[in-house]
Amino acid sequence: NAKNTVYLQMNSLKSDDTGVYYCAAKYAF
């Protein structure tokens, strides 16, 4: 949160993981 960044570390990638990856945000109380 200090860097205002979210990460997705992806290991052991497979062909089924192919695609366009999107991040999305929602305000939460």
PDB file of all heavy atoms in Angstrom:
ATOM      1  N   ASN A   1       0.824  -1.216   0.000  1.00  0.00           N
ATOM      2  CA  ASN A   1       0.000   0.000   0.000  1.00  0.00           C
ATOM      3  C   ASN A   1       0.853   1.259   0.000  1.00  0.00           C
ATOM      4  O   ASN A   1       0.428   2.303  -0.508  1.00  0.00           O
ATOM      5  CB  ASN A   1      -0.951  -0.014   1.189  1.00  0.00           C
ATOM      6  CG  ASN A   1      -2.084  -1.005   1.006  1.00  0.00           C
ATOM      7  OD1 ASN A   1      -2.390  -1.424  -0.110  1.00  0.00           O
ATOM      8  ND2 ASN A   1      -2.729  -1.395   2.096  1.00  0.00           N
ATOM      9  N   ALA A   2       2.047   1.176   0.539  1.00  0.00           N
ATOM     10  CA  ALA A   2       2.928   2.344   0.519  1.00  0.00           C
ATOM     11  C   ALA A   2       3.348   2.691  -0.909  1.00  0.00           C
ATOM     12  O   ALA A   2       3.598   3.860  -1.227  1.00  0.00           O
ATOM     13  CB  ALA A   2       4.156   2.090   1.374  1.00  0.00           C
ATOM     14  N   LYS A   3       3.406   1.680  -1.767  1.00  0.00           N
ATOM     15  CA  LYS A   3       3.774   1.906  -3.174  1.00  0.00           C
ATOM     16  C   LYS A   3       2.544   1.969  -4.072  1.00  0.00           C
ATOM     17  O   LYS A   3       2.689   2.076  -5.296  1.00  0.00           O
ATOM     18  CB  LYS A   3       4.705   0.798  -3.655  1.00  0.00           C
ATOM     19  CG  LYS A   3       6.062   0.792  -2.973  1.00  0.00           C
ATOM     20  CD  LYS A   3       6.970  -0.275  -3.553  1.00  0.00           C
ATOM     21  CE  LYS A   3       8.348  -0.232  -2.903  1.00  0.00           C
ATOM     22  NZ  LYS A   3       9.260  -1.267  -3.457  1.00  0.00           N
ATOM     23  N   ASN A   4       1.364   1.824  -3.458  1.00  0.00           N
ATOM     24  CA  ASN A   4       0.126   1.885  -4.233  1.00  0.00           C
ATOM     25  C   ASN A   4       0.098   0.841  -5.342  1.00  0.00           C
ATOM     26  O   ASN A   4      -0.373   1.105  -6.459  1.00  0.00           O
ATOM     27  CB  ASN A   4      -0.071   3.283  -4.837  1.00  0.00           C
ATOM     28  CG  ASN A   4      -1.388   3.900  -4.427  1.00  0.00           C
ATOM     29  OD1 ASN A   4      -2.015   3.485  -3.457  1.00  0.00           O
ATOM     30  ND2 ASN A   4      -1.822   4.910  -5.169  1.00  0.00           N
ATOM     31  N   THR A   5       0.583  -0.339  -5.026  1.00  0.00           N
ATOM     32  CA  THR A   5       0.754  -1.375  -6.041  1.00  0.00           C
ATOM     33  C   THR A   5       0.332  -2.737  -5.497  1.00  0.00           C
ATOM     34  O   THR A   5       0.587  -3.051  -4.326  1.00  0.00           O
ATOM     35  CB  THR A   5       2.218  -1.440  -6.509  1.00  0.00           C
ATOM     36  OG1 THR A   5       2.595  -0.157  -7.028  1.00  0.00           O
ATOM     37  CG2 THR A   5       2.402  -2.486  -7.613  1.00  0.00           C
ATOM     38  N   VAL A   6      -0.292  -3.499  -6.371  1.00  0.00           N
ATOM     39  CA  VAL A   6      -0.645  -4.883  -6.070  1.00  0.00           C
ATOM     40  C   VAL A   6       0.097  -5.770  -7.070  1.00  0.00           C
ATOM     41  O   VAL A   6       0.236  -5.399  -8.238  1.00  0.00           O
ATOM     42  CB  VAL A   6      -2.160  -5.098  -6.155  1.00  0.00           C
ATOM     43  CG1 VAL A   6      -2.514  -6.578  -6.020  1.00  0.00           C
ATOM     44  CG2 VAL A   6      -2.864  -4.293  -5.077  1.00  0.00           C
ATOM     45  N   TYR A   7       0.536  -6.908  -6.594  1.00  0.00           N
ATOM     46  CA  TYR A   7       1.338  -7.800  -7.427  1.00  0.00           C
ATOM     47  C   TYR A   7       0.648  -9.151  -7.603  1.00  0.00           C
ATOM     48  O   TYR A   7      -0.131  -9.590  -6.750  1.00  0.00           O
ATOM     49  CB  TYR A   7       2.699  -8.035  -6.791  1.00  0.00           C
ATOM     50  CG  TYR A   7       3.461  -6.774  -6.490  1.00  0.00           C
ATOM     51  CD1 TYR A   7       3.429  -6.199  -5.224  1.00  0.00           C
ATOM     52  CD2 TYR A   7       4.198  -6.146  -7.480  1.00  0.00           C
ATOM     53  CE1 TYR A   7       4.115  -5.036  -4.946  1.00  0.00           C
ATOM     54  CE2 TYR A   7       4.896  -4.980  -7.218  1.00  0.00           C
ATOM     55  CZ  TYR A   7       4.848  -4.433  -5.946  1.00  0.00           C
ATOM     56  OH  TYR A   7       5.539  -3.273  -5.689  1.00  0.00           O
ATOM     57  N   LEU A   8       0.995  -9.818  -8.688  1.00  0.00           N
ATOM     58  CA  LEU A   8       0.593 -11.200  -8.886  1.00  0.00           C
ATOM     59  C   LEU A   8       1.832 -11.963  -9.333  1.00  0.00           C
ATOM     60  O   LEU A   8       2.269 -11.815 -10.479  1.00  0.00           O
ATOM     61  CB  LEU A   8      -0.522 -11.323  -9.920  1.00  0.00           C
ATOM     62  CG  LEU A   8      -1.097 -12.733 -10.084  1.00  0.00           C
ATOM     63  CD1 LEU A   8      -1.828 -13.173  -8.805  1.00  0.00           C
ATOM     64  CD2 LEU A   8      -2.040 -12.816 -11.287  1.00  0.00           C
ATOM     65  N   GLN A   9       2.407 -12.700  -8.418  1.00  0.00           N
ATOM     66  CA  GLN A   9       3.549 -13.540  -8.739  1.00  0.00           C
ATOM     67  C   GLN A   9       3.037 -14.852  -9.301  1.00  0.00           C
ATOM     68  O   GLN A   9       2.249 -15.546  -8.655  1.00  0.00           O
ATOM     69  CB  GLN A   9       4.376 -13.801  -7.478  1.00  0.00           C
ATOM     70  CG  GLN A   9       5.553 -14.739  -7.686  1.00  0.00           C
ATOM     71  CD  GLN A   9       6.627 -14.137  -8.569  1.00  0.00           C
ATOM     72  OE1 GLN A   9       6.972 -12.974  -8.423  1.00  0.00           O
ATOM     73  NE2 GLN A   9       7.158 -14.930  -9.495  1.00  0.00           N
ATOM     74  N   MET A  10       3.478 -15.182 -10.493  1.00  0.00           N
ATOM     75  CA  MET A  10       2.995 -16.378 -11.184  1.00  0.00           C
ATOM     76  C   MET A  10       4.175 -17.308 -11.437  1.00  0.00           C
ATOM     77  O   MET A  10       5.096 -16.959 -12.182  1.00  0.00           O
ATOM     78  CB  MET A  10       2.314 -15.994 -12.494  1.00  0.00           C
ATOM     79  CG  MET A  10       1.216 -14.950 -12.330  1.00  0.00           C
ATOM     80  SD  MET A  10       0.285 -14.649 -13.845  1.00  0.00           S
ATOM     81  CE  MET A  10       1.561 -13.982 -14.898  1.00  0.00           C
ATOM     82  N   ASN A  11       4.151 -18.450 -10.814  1.00  0.00           N
ATOM     83  CA  ASN A  11       5.201 -19.455 -10.971  1.00  0.00           C
ATOM     84  C   ASN A  11       4.657 -20.683 -11.674  1.00  0.00           C
ATOM     85  O   ASN A  11       3.444 -20.894 -11.752  1.00  0.00           O
ATOM     86  CB  ASN A  11       5.758 -19.851  -9.603  1.00  0.00           C
ATOM     87  CG  ASN A  11       6.384 -18.698  -8.860  1.00  0.00           C
ATOM     88  OD1 ASN A  11       6.930 -17.773  -9.464  1.00  0.00           O
ATOM     89  ND2 ASN A  11       6.313 -18.731  -7.537  1.00  0.00           N
ATOM     90  N   SER A  12       5.553 -21.494 -12.179  1.00  0.00           N
ATOM     91  CA  SER A  12       5.168 -22.750 -12.849  1.00  0.00           C
ATOM     92  C   SER A  12       4.072 -22.510 -13.870  1.00  0.00           C
ATOM     93  O   SER A  12       3.048 -23.203 -13.887  1.00  0.00           O
ATOM     94  CB  SER A  12       4.714 -23.782 -11.809  1.00  0.00           C
ATOM     95  OG  SER A  12       5.727 -24.032 -10.852  1.00  0.00           O
ATOM     96  N   LEU A  13       4.291 -21.540 -14.708  1.00  0.00           N
ATOM     97  CA  LEU A  13       3.260 -21.148 -15.668  1.00  0.00           C
ATOM     98  C   LEU A  13       2.959 -22.277 -16.645  1.00  0.00           C
ATOM     99  O   LEU A  13       3.840 -23.053 -17.044  1.00  0.00           O
ATOM    100  CB  LEU A  13       3.680 -19.891 -16.410  1.00  0.00           C
ATOM    101  CG  LEU A  13       3.511 -18.599 -15.600  1.00  0.00           C
ATOM    102  CD1 LEU A  13       4.331 -17.467 -16.202  1.00  0.00           C
ATOM    103  CD2 LEU A  13       2.038 -18.208 -15.525  1.00  0.00           C
ATOM    104  N   LYS A  14       1.696 -22.344 -17.029  1.00  0.00           N
ATOM    105  CA  LYS A  14       1.209 -23.338 -17.974  1.00  0.00           C
ATOM    106  C   LYS A  14       0.603 -22.627 -19.166  1.00  0.00           C
ATOM    107  O   LYS A  14       0.232 -21.457 -19.082  1.00  0.00           O
ATOM    108  CB  LYS A  14       0.144 -24.204 -17.306  1.00  0.00           C
ATOM    109  CG  LYS A  14       0.573 -24.877 -16.012  1.00  0.00           C
ATOM    110  CD  LYS A  14      -0.592 -25.616 -15.379  1.00  0.00           C
ATOM    111  CE  LYS A  14      -0.185 -26.284 -14.075  1.00  0.00           C
ATOM    112  NZ  LYS A  14      -1.317 -27.006 -13.439  1.00  0.00           N
ATOM    113  N   SER A  15       0.434 -23.365 -20.240  1.00  0.00           N
ATOM    114  CA  SER A  15      -0.154 -22.764 -21.442  1.00  0.00           C
ATOM    115  C   SER A  15      -1.572 -22.277 -21.158  1.00  0.00           C
ATOM    116  O   SER A  15      -2.028 -21.285 -21.733  1.00  0.00           O
ATOM    117  CB  SER A  15      -0.138 -23.753 -22.603  1.00  0.00           C
ATOM    118  OG  SER A  15      -0.821 -24.945 -22.258  1.00  0.00           O
ATOM    119  N   ASP A  16      -2.268 -22.935 -20.247  1.00  0.00           N
ATOM    120  CA  ASP A  16      -3.630 -22.517 -19.887  1.00  0.00           C
ATOM    121  C   ASP A  16      -3.659 -21.171 -19.180  1.00  0.00           C
ATOM    122  O   ASP A  16      -4.725 -20.583 -19.018  1.00  0.00           O
ATOM    123  CB  ASP A  16      -4.288 -23.563 -18.981  1.00  0.00           C
ATOM    124  CG  ASP A  16      -4.684 -24.818 -19.743  1.00  0.00           C
ATOM    125  OD1 ASP A  16      -4.641 -24.786 -20.992  1.00  0.00           O
ATOM    126  OD2 ASP A  16      -5.007 -25.822 -19.095  1.00  0.00           O
ATOM    127  N   ASP A  17      -2.513 -20.687 -18.736  1.00  0.00           N
ATOM    128  CA  ASP A  17      -2.465 -19.378 -18.074  1.00  0.00           C
ATOM    129  C   ASP A  17      -2.383 -18.231 -19.081  1.00  0.00           C
ATOM    130  O   ASP A  17      -2.414 -17.066 -18.687  1.00  0.00           O
ATOM    131  CB  ASP A  17      -1.254 -19.302 -17.148  1.00  0.00           C
ATOM    132  CG  ASP A  17      -1.320 -20.300 -16.010  1.00  0.00           C
ATOM    133  OD1 ASP A  17      -2.419 -20.485 -15.444  1.00  0.00           O
ATOM    134  OD2 ASP A  17      -0.273 -20.896 -15.695  1.00  0.00           O
ATOM    135  N   THR A  18      -2.274 -18.555 -20.349  1.00  0.00           N
ATOM    136  CA  THR A  18      -2.193 -17.532 -21.388  1.00  0.00           C
ATOM    137  C   THR A  18      -3.451 -16.687 -21.413  1.00  0.00           C
ATOM    138  O   THR A  18      -4.572 -17.203 -21.316  1.00  0.00           O
ATOM    139  CB  THR A  18      -1.979 -18.187 -22.757  1.00  0.00           C
ATOM    140  OG1 THR A  18      -0.677 -18.784 -22.772  1.00  0.00           O
ATOM    141  CG2 THR A  18      -2.091 -17.179 -23.886  1.00  0.00           C
ATOM    142  N   GLY A  19      -3.245 -15.376 -21.556  1.00  0.00           N
ATOM    143  CA  GLY A  19      -4.384 -14.468 -21.654  1.00  0.00           C
ATOM    144  C   GLY A  19      -3.977 -13.048 -21.322  1.00  0.00           C
ATOM    145  O   GLY A  19      -2.817 -12.782 -21.008  1.00  0.00           O
ATOM    146  N   VAL A  20      -4.952 -12.181 -21.409  1.00  0.00           N
ATOM    147  CA  VAL A  20      -4.750 -10.807 -20.969  1.00  0.00           C
ATOM    148  C   VAL A  20      -5.159 -10.727 -19.496  1.00  0.00           C
ATOM    149  O   VAL A  20      -6.271 -11.142 -19.141  1.00  0.00           O
ATOM    150  CB  VAL A  20      -5.574  -9.812 -21.803  1.00  0.00           C
ATOM    151  CG1 VAL A  20      -5.367  -8.391 -21.290  1.00  0.00           C
ATOM    152  CG2 VAL A  20      -5.205  -9.915 -23.276  1.00  0.00           C
ATOM    153  N   TYR A  21      -4.258 -10.217 -18.701  1.00  0.00           N
ATOM    154  CA  TYR A  21      -4.500 -10.121 -17.253  1.00  0.00           C
ATOM    155  C   TYR A  21      -4.878  -8.686 -16.894  1.00  0.00           C
ATOM    156  O   TYR A  21      -4.174  -7.740 -17.266  1.00  0.00           O
ATOM    157  CB  TYR A  21      -3.267 -10.559 -16.483  1.00  0.00           C
ATOM    158  CG  TYR A  21      -3.118 -12.054 -16.432  1.00  0.00           C
ATOM    159  CD1 TYR A  21      -2.778 -12.770 -17.572  1.00  0.00           C
ATOM    160  CD2 TYR A  21      -3.342 -12.760 -15.256  1.00  0.00           C
ATOM    161  CE1 TYR A  21      -2.666 -14.158 -17.538  1.00  0.00           C
ATOM    162  CE2 TYR A  21      -3.225 -14.146 -15.206  1.00  0.00           C
ATOM    163  CZ  TYR A  21      -2.889 -14.828 -16.351  1.00  0.00           C
ATOM    164  OH  TYR A  21      -2.775 -16.200 -16.316  1.00  0.00           O
ATOM    165  N   TYR A  22      -5.973  -8.578 -16.171  1.00  0.00           N
ATOM    166  CA  TYR A  22      -6.490  -7.280 -15.747  1.00  0.00           C
ATOM    167  C   TYR A  22      -6.504  -7.204 -14.230  1.00  0.00           C
ATOM    168  O   TYR A  22      -6.844  -8.182 -13.559  1.00  0.00           O
ATOM    169  CB  TYR A  22      -7.919  -7.083 -16.229  1.00  0.00           C
ATOM    170  CG  TYR A  22      -8.109  -7.128 -17.712  1.00  0.00           C
ATOM    171  CD1 TYR A  22      -8.365  -8.327 -18.368  1.00  0.00           C
ATOM    172  CD2 TYR A  22      -8.073  -5.960 -18.475  1.00  0.00           C
ATOM    173  CE1 TYR A  22      -8.551  -8.372 -19.730  1.00  0.00           C
ATOM    174  CE2 TYR A  22      -8.267  -5.990 -19.845  1.00  0.00           C
ATOM    175  CZ  TYR A  22      -8.504  -7.206 -20.470  1.00  0.00           C
ATOM    176  OH  TYR A  22      -8.695  -7.240 -21.820  1.00  0.00           O
ATOM    177  N   CYS A  23      -6.191  -6.028 -13.707  1.00  0.00           N
ATOM    178  CA  CYS A  23      -6.449  -5.818 -12.286  1.00  0.00           C
ATOM    179  C   CYS A  23      -7.648  -4.883 -12.161  1.00  0.00           C
ATOM    180  O   CYS A  23      -7.946  -4.091 -13.066  1.00  0.00           O
ATOM    181  CB  CYS A  23      -5.237  -5.250 -11.564  1.00  0.00           C
ATOM    182  SG  CYS A  23      -4.704  -3.618 -12.065  1.00  0.00           S
ATOM    183  N   ALA A  24      -8.329  -5.001 -11.039  1.00  0.00           N
ATOM    184  CA  ALA A  24      -9.520  -4.214 -10.782  1.00  0.00           C
ATOM    185  C   ALA A  24      -9.555  -3.849  -9.304  1.00  0.00           C
ATOM    186  O   ALA A  24      -9.031  -4.594  -8.467  1.00  0.00           O
ATOM    187  CB  ALA A  24     -10.763  -5.005 -11.163  1.00  0.00           C
ATOM    188  N   ALA A  25     -10.172  -2.722  -9.002  1.00  0.00           N
ATOM    189  CA  ALA A  25     -10.209  -2.235  -7.627  1.00  0.00           C
ATOM    190  C   ALA A  25     -11.620  -1.847  -7.221  1.00  0.00           C
ATOM    191  O   ALA A  25     -12.395  -1.344  -8.035  1.00  0.00           O
ATOM    192  CB  ALA A  25      -9.274  -1.035  -7.477  1.00  0.00           C
ATOM    193  N   LYS A  26     -11.904  -2.105  -5.956  1.00  0.00           N
ATOM    194  CA  LYS A  26     -13.201  -1.719  -5.400  1.00  0.00           C
ATOM    195  C   LYS A  26     -12.989  -1.160  -4.003  1.00  0.00           C
ATOM    196  O   LYS A  26     -12.324  -1.786  -3.160  1.00  0.00           O
ATOM    197  CB  LYS A  26     -14.142  -2.920  -5.327  1.00  0.00           C
ATOM    198  CG  LYS A  26     -15.446  -2.574  -4.612  1.00  0.00           C
ATOM    199  CD  LYS A  26     -16.412  -3.696  -4.559  1.00  0.00           C
ATOM    200  CE  LYS A  26     -17.617  -3.354  -3.684  1.00  0.00           C
ATOM    201  NZ  LYS A  26     -18.280  -2.092  -4.095  1.00  0.00           N
ATOM    202  N   TYR A  27     -13.581   0.021  -3.760  1.00  0.00           N
ATOM    203  CA  TYR A  27     -13.517   0.594  -2.424  1.00  0.00           C
ATOM    204  C   TYR A  27     -14.248  -0.328  -1.463  1.00  0.00           C
ATOM    205  O   TYR A  27     -15.353  -0.790  -1.749  1.00  0.00           O
ATOM    206  CB  TYR A  27     -14.147   1.980  -2.410  1.00  0.00           C
ATOM    207  CG  TYR A  27     -14.002   2.662  -1.075  1.00  0.00           C
ATOM    208  CD1 TYR A  27     -12.851   3.368  -0.764  1.00  0.00           C
ATOM    209  CD2 TYR A  27     -15.008   2.563  -0.110  1.00  0.00           C
ATOM    210  CE1 TYR A  27     -12.698   3.980   0.457  1.00  0.00           C
ATOM    211  CE2 TYR A  27     -14.862   3.175   1.123  1.00  0.00           C
ATOM    212  CZ  TYR A  27     -13.698   3.879   1.402  1.00  0.00           C
ATOM    213  OH  TYR A  27     -13.556   4.467   2.626  1.00  0.00           O
ATOM    214  N   ALA A  28     -13.641  -0.575  -0.314  1.00  0.00           N
ATOM    215  CA  ALA A  28     -14.249  -1.467   0.670  1.00  0.00           C
ATOM    216  C   ALA A  28     -14.192  -0.821   2.049  1.00  0.00           C
ATOM    217  O   ALA A  28     -13.128  -0.404   2.498  1.00  0.00           O
ATOM    218  CB  ALA A  28     -13.531  -2.813   0.684  1.00  0.00           C
ATOM    219  N   PHE A  29     -15.333  -0.737   2.710  1.00  0.00           N
ATOM    220  CA  PHE A  29     -15.366  -0.189   4.058  1.00  0.00           C
ATOM    221  C   PHE A  29     -14.692  -1.137   5.038  1.00  0.00           C
ATOM    222  O   PHE A  29     -14.080  -0.713   6.017  1.00  0.00           O
ATOM    223  CB  PHE A  29     -16.806   0.081   4.489  1.00  0.00           C
ATOM    224  CG  PHE A  29     -17.447   1.205   3.729  1.00  0.00           C
ATOM    225  CD1 PHE A  29     -18.268   0.947   2.653  1.00  0.00           C
ATOM    226  CD2 PHE A  29     -17.216   2.523   4.093  1.00  0.00           C
ATOM    227  CE1 PHE A  29     -18.849   1.989   1.949  1.00  0.00           C
ATOM    228  CE2 PHE A  29     -17.802   3.572   3.402  1.00  0.00           C
ATOM    229  CZ  PHE A  29     -18.617   3.299   2.318  1.00  0.00           C
TER     230      PHE A  29
END
